[in-house]
């Protein structure tokens, strides 16, 4: 059976809506897929979410935080936090 995946714009809207409701939230790619976007979960979806997160970082809307020895995590850019 073919799965219907949302487009990148829809995923970006869902991530930004989550961050709007939870401005201090931060999580890894896997956490975002599992908890923020839990309605849809698959290996292909994770790949798309990773691309969307990269786009949102490039646009300056979210930050990717890297700490040596830890999995990178994402959060709303500080200037957008309440």
N, C-alpha and C. Protein backbone atom coordinates (compact mmCIF):
# COMPACT_ATOMS: atom_id res chain seq x y z
N UNK A 1 0.84 -1.17 0.00
CA UNK A 1 0.00 0.00 0.00
C UNK A 1 0.89 1.24 0.00
N UNK A 2 0.58 2.21 -0.83
CA UNK A 2 1.33 3.46 -0.89
C UNK A 2 0.90 4.37 0.24
N UNK A 3 1.90 4.97 0.91
CA UNK A 3 1.59 5.93 1.97
C UNK A 3 1.59 7.32 1.38
N UNK A 4 0.75 8.17 1.88
CA UNK A 4 0.69 9.56 1.43
C UNK A 4 1.41 10.42 2.47
N UNK A 5 2.49 11.03 2.04
CA UNK A 5 3.27 11.85 2.95
C UNK A 5 2.93 13.32 2.74
N UNK A 6 2.88 14.08 3.83
CA UNK A 6 2.62 15.52 3.69
C UNK A 6 3.80 16.20 3.01
N UNK A 7 3.53 17.32 2.38
CA UNK A 7 4.64 18.04 1.75
C UNK A 7 5.47 18.74 2.81
N UNK A 8 6.63 19.19 2.38
CA UNK A 8 7.56 19.83 3.32
C UNK A 8 6.95 21.07 3.96
N UNK A 9 6.19 21.83 3.21
CA UNK A 9 5.58 23.04 3.76
C UNK A 9 4.63 22.69 4.92
N UNK A 10 3.88 21.60 4.78
CA UNK A 10 2.96 21.19 5.83
C UNK A 10 3.73 20.77 7.09
N UNK A 11 4.81 20.04 6.90
CA UNK A 11 5.63 19.62 8.05
C UNK A 11 6.24 20.85 8.73
N UNK A 12 6.73 21.78 7.93
CA UNK A 12 7.30 23.02 8.51
C UNK A 12 6.24 23.76 9.32
N UNK A 13 5.03 23.85 8.79
CA UNK A 13 3.94 24.52 9.54
C UNK A 13 3.67 23.80 10.86
N UNK A 14 3.68 22.47 10.84
CA UNK A 14 3.42 21.71 12.07
C UNK A 14 4.54 21.93 13.10
N UNK A 15 5.77 21.94 12.65
CA UNK A 15 6.89 22.19 13.57
C UNK A 15 6.81 23.59 14.15
N UNK A 16 6.56 24.58 13.31
CA UNK A 16 6.47 25.96 13.79
C UNK A 16 5.26 26.17 14.68
N UNK A 17 4.16 25.48 14.40
CA UNK A 17 2.99 25.57 15.27
C UNK A 17 3.30 24.97 16.64
N UNK A 18 4.01 23.85 16.65
CA UNK A 18 4.40 23.25 17.93
C UNK A 18 5.27 24.21 18.72
N UNK A 19 6.25 24.82 18.04
CA UNK A 19 7.14 25.75 18.73
C UNK A 19 6.42 27.03 19.15
N UNK A 20 5.42 27.42 18.42
CA UNK A 20 4.62 28.58 18.83
C UNK A 20 3.87 28.28 20.13
N UNK A 21 3.36 27.07 20.24
CA UNK A 21 2.64 26.67 21.45
C UNK A 21 3.58 26.33 22.60
N UNK A 22 4.82 25.93 22.27
CA UNK A 22 5.81 25.52 23.27
C UNK A 22 7.15 26.19 22.94
N UNK A 23 7.26 27.49 23.14
CA UNK A 23 8.45 28.23 22.69
C UNK A 23 9.77 27.81 23.32
N UNK A 24 9.74 27.13 24.43
CA UNK A 24 10.98 26.67 25.07
C UNK A 24 11.30 25.21 24.76
N UNK A 25 10.52 24.60 23.87
CA UNK A 25 10.74 23.20 23.52
C UNK A 25 12.06 23.05 22.77
N UNK A 26 12.68 21.92 22.97
CA UNK A 26 13.88 21.56 22.23
C UNK A 26 13.94 20.04 22.18
N UNK A 27 14.38 19.51 21.02
CA UNK A 27 14.44 18.06 20.90
C UNK A 27 15.32 17.67 19.72
N UNK A 28 15.68 16.40 19.69
CA UNK A 28 16.46 15.85 18.60
C UNK A 28 15.53 15.54 17.43
N UNK A 29 16.11 15.19 16.30
CA UNK A 29 15.31 14.80 15.14
C UNK A 29 14.35 13.67 15.51
N UNK A 30 14.86 12.64 16.16
CA UNK A 30 14.01 11.52 16.53
C UNK A 30 12.90 11.93 17.49
N UNK A 31 13.22 12.80 18.43
CA UNK A 31 12.21 13.28 19.37
C UNK A 31 11.14 14.10 18.69
N UNK A 32 11.54 14.91 17.73
CA UNK A 32 10.57 15.73 16.99
C UNK A 32 9.62 14.84 16.22
N UNK A 33 10.17 13.83 15.55
CA UNK A 33 9.32 12.90 14.80
C UNK A 33 8.39 12.14 15.74
N UNK A 34 8.94 11.68 16.86
CA UNK A 34 8.15 10.86 17.79
C UNK A 34 7.11 11.66 18.57
N UNK A 35 7.47 12.86 19.03
CA UNK A 35 6.59 13.58 19.95
C UNK A 35 5.89 14.78 19.33
N UNK A 36 6.60 15.58 18.55
CA UNK A 36 5.99 16.78 17.99
C UNK A 36 5.09 16.44 16.81
N UNK A 37 5.48 15.44 16.04
CA UNK A 37 4.75 15.06 14.83
C UNK A 37 4.26 13.63 14.93
N UNK A 38 3.81 13.24 16.07
CA UNK A 38 3.50 11.83 16.32
C UNK A 38 2.37 11.27 15.48
N UNK A 39 1.61 12.12 14.82
CA UNK A 39 0.52 11.63 13.97
C UNK A 39 1.07 10.80 12.82
N UNK A 40 2.25 11.15 12.34
CA UNK A 40 2.83 10.45 11.20
C UNK A 40 4.24 10.00 11.58
N UNK A 41 4.50 8.72 11.38
CA UNK A 41 5.81 8.22 11.76
C UNK A 41 6.22 7.11 10.81
N UNK A 42 7.34 7.29 10.16
CA UNK A 42 7.92 6.26 9.31
C UNK A 42 9.36 6.66 9.02
N UNK A 43 10.13 5.72 8.50
CA UNK A 43 11.52 6.03 8.17
C UNK A 43 11.60 7.11 7.10
N UNK A 44 10.74 7.04 6.10
CA UNK A 44 10.76 8.05 5.04
C UNK A 44 10.37 9.41 5.62
N UNK A 45 9.42 9.42 6.52
CA UNK A 45 8.99 10.68 7.14
C UNK A 45 10.16 11.32 7.89
N UNK A 46 10.96 10.53 8.57
CA UNK A 46 12.10 11.06 9.31
C UNK A 46 13.07 11.77 8.37
N UNK A 47 13.29 11.21 7.21
CA UNK A 47 14.17 11.83 6.21
C UNK A 47 13.62 13.18 5.77
N UNK A 48 12.33 13.24 5.54
CA UNK A 48 11.69 14.50 5.12
C UNK A 48 11.77 15.53 6.23
N UNK A 49 11.51 15.12 7.47
CA UNK A 49 11.58 16.03 8.61
C UNK A 49 12.99 16.59 8.75
N UNK A 50 14.00 15.75 8.55
CA UNK A 50 15.39 16.21 8.63
C UNK A 50 15.64 17.30 7.59
N UNK A 51 15.13 17.12 6.38
CA UNK A 51 15.27 18.14 5.33
C UNK A 51 14.56 19.43 5.73
N UNK A 52 13.36 19.31 6.28
CA UNK A 52 12.59 20.48 6.69
C UNK A 52 13.32 21.23 7.81
N UNK A 53 13.85 20.50 8.77
CA UNK A 53 14.59 21.15 9.86
C UNK A 53 15.79 21.91 9.30
N UNK A 54 16.48 21.32 8.35
CA UNK A 54 17.60 22.01 7.71
C UNK A 54 17.15 23.30 7.03
N UNK A 55 16.00 23.24 6.36
CA UNK A 55 15.45 24.44 5.71
C UNK A 55 15.11 25.51 6.74
N UNK A 56 14.50 25.11 7.85
CA UNK A 56 14.11 26.07 8.89
C UNK A 56 15.35 26.69 9.55
N UNK A 57 16.42 25.91 9.68
CA UNK A 57 17.67 26.45 10.22
C UNK A 57 18.23 27.47 9.23
N UNK A 58 18.26 27.12 7.95
CA UNK A 58 18.76 28.02 6.91
C UNK A 58 17.97 29.33 6.88
N UNK A 59 16.67 29.24 7.09
CA UNK A 59 15.81 30.43 7.10
C UNK A 59 15.96 31.24 8.38
N UNK A 60 16.66 30.70 9.36
CA UNK A 60 16.89 31.43 10.61
C UNK A 60 15.74 31.37 11.59
N UNK A 61 14.81 30.42 11.40
CA UNK A 61 13.66 30.33 12.29
C UNK A 61 13.93 29.45 13.51
N UNK A 62 14.76 28.44 13.32
CA UNK A 62 15.13 27.57 14.43
C UNK A 62 16.65 27.44 14.47
N UNK A 63 17.14 26.91 15.57
CA UNK A 63 18.58 26.69 15.74
C UNK A 63 18.86 25.20 15.89
N UNK A 64 19.98 24.78 15.34
CA UNK A 64 20.47 23.43 15.56
C UNK A 64 21.63 23.56 16.54
N UNK A 65 21.48 22.94 17.69
CA UNK A 65 22.47 23.03 18.76
C UNK A 65 23.30 21.75 18.76
N UNK A 66 24.61 21.94 18.67
CA UNK A 66 25.53 20.79 18.69
C UNK A 66 26.40 20.88 19.93
N UNK A 67 26.40 19.82 20.69
CA UNK A 67 27.26 19.71 21.86
C UNK A 67 28.07 18.43 21.67
N UNK A 68 29.38 18.55 21.80
CA UNK A 68 30.26 17.41 21.56
C UNK A 68 29.81 16.19 22.34
N UNK A 69 29.73 15.07 21.64
CA UNK A 69 29.36 13.81 22.26
C UNK A 69 27.87 13.60 22.42
N UNK A 70 27.06 14.55 21.96
CA UNK A 70 25.61 14.42 22.09
C UNK A 70 24.94 14.55 20.72
N UNK A 71 23.74 14.03 20.63
CA UNK A 71 22.95 14.16 19.41
C UNK A 71 22.50 15.61 19.30
N UNK A 72 22.65 16.22 18.12
CA UNK A 72 22.19 17.61 17.96
C UNK A 72 20.69 17.73 18.24
N UNK A 73 20.30 18.89 18.73
CA UNK A 73 18.88 19.13 18.96
C UNK A 73 18.49 20.47 18.35
N UNK A 74 17.21 20.65 18.22
CA UNK A 74 16.65 21.84 17.57
C UNK A 74 15.77 22.59 18.54
N UNK A 75 15.76 23.91 18.38
CA UNK A 75 14.91 24.76 19.21
C UNK A 75 14.60 26.03 18.44
N UNK A 76 13.62 26.75 18.92
CA UNK A 76 13.26 28.04 18.34
C UNK A 76 14.41 29.00 18.54
N UNK A 77 14.71 29.80 17.53
CA UNK A 77 15.78 30.80 17.71
C UNK A 77 15.42 31.73 18.85
N UNK A 78 16.40 32.12 19.61
CA UNK A 78 16.17 32.93 20.81
C UNK A 78 15.37 34.20 20.52
N UNK A 79 15.59 34.83 19.40
CA UNK A 79 14.87 36.08 19.13
C UNK A 79 13.37 35.86 18.95
N UNK A 80 12.94 34.60 18.72
CA UNK A 80 11.52 34.32 18.56
C UNK A 80 10.87 33.80 19.83
N UNK A 81 11.67 33.52 20.86
CA UNK A 81 11.11 33.02 22.11
C UNK A 81 10.41 34.14 22.85
N UNK A 82 9.37 33.77 23.56
CA UNK A 82 8.59 34.74 24.34
C UNK A 82 9.27 35.05 25.64
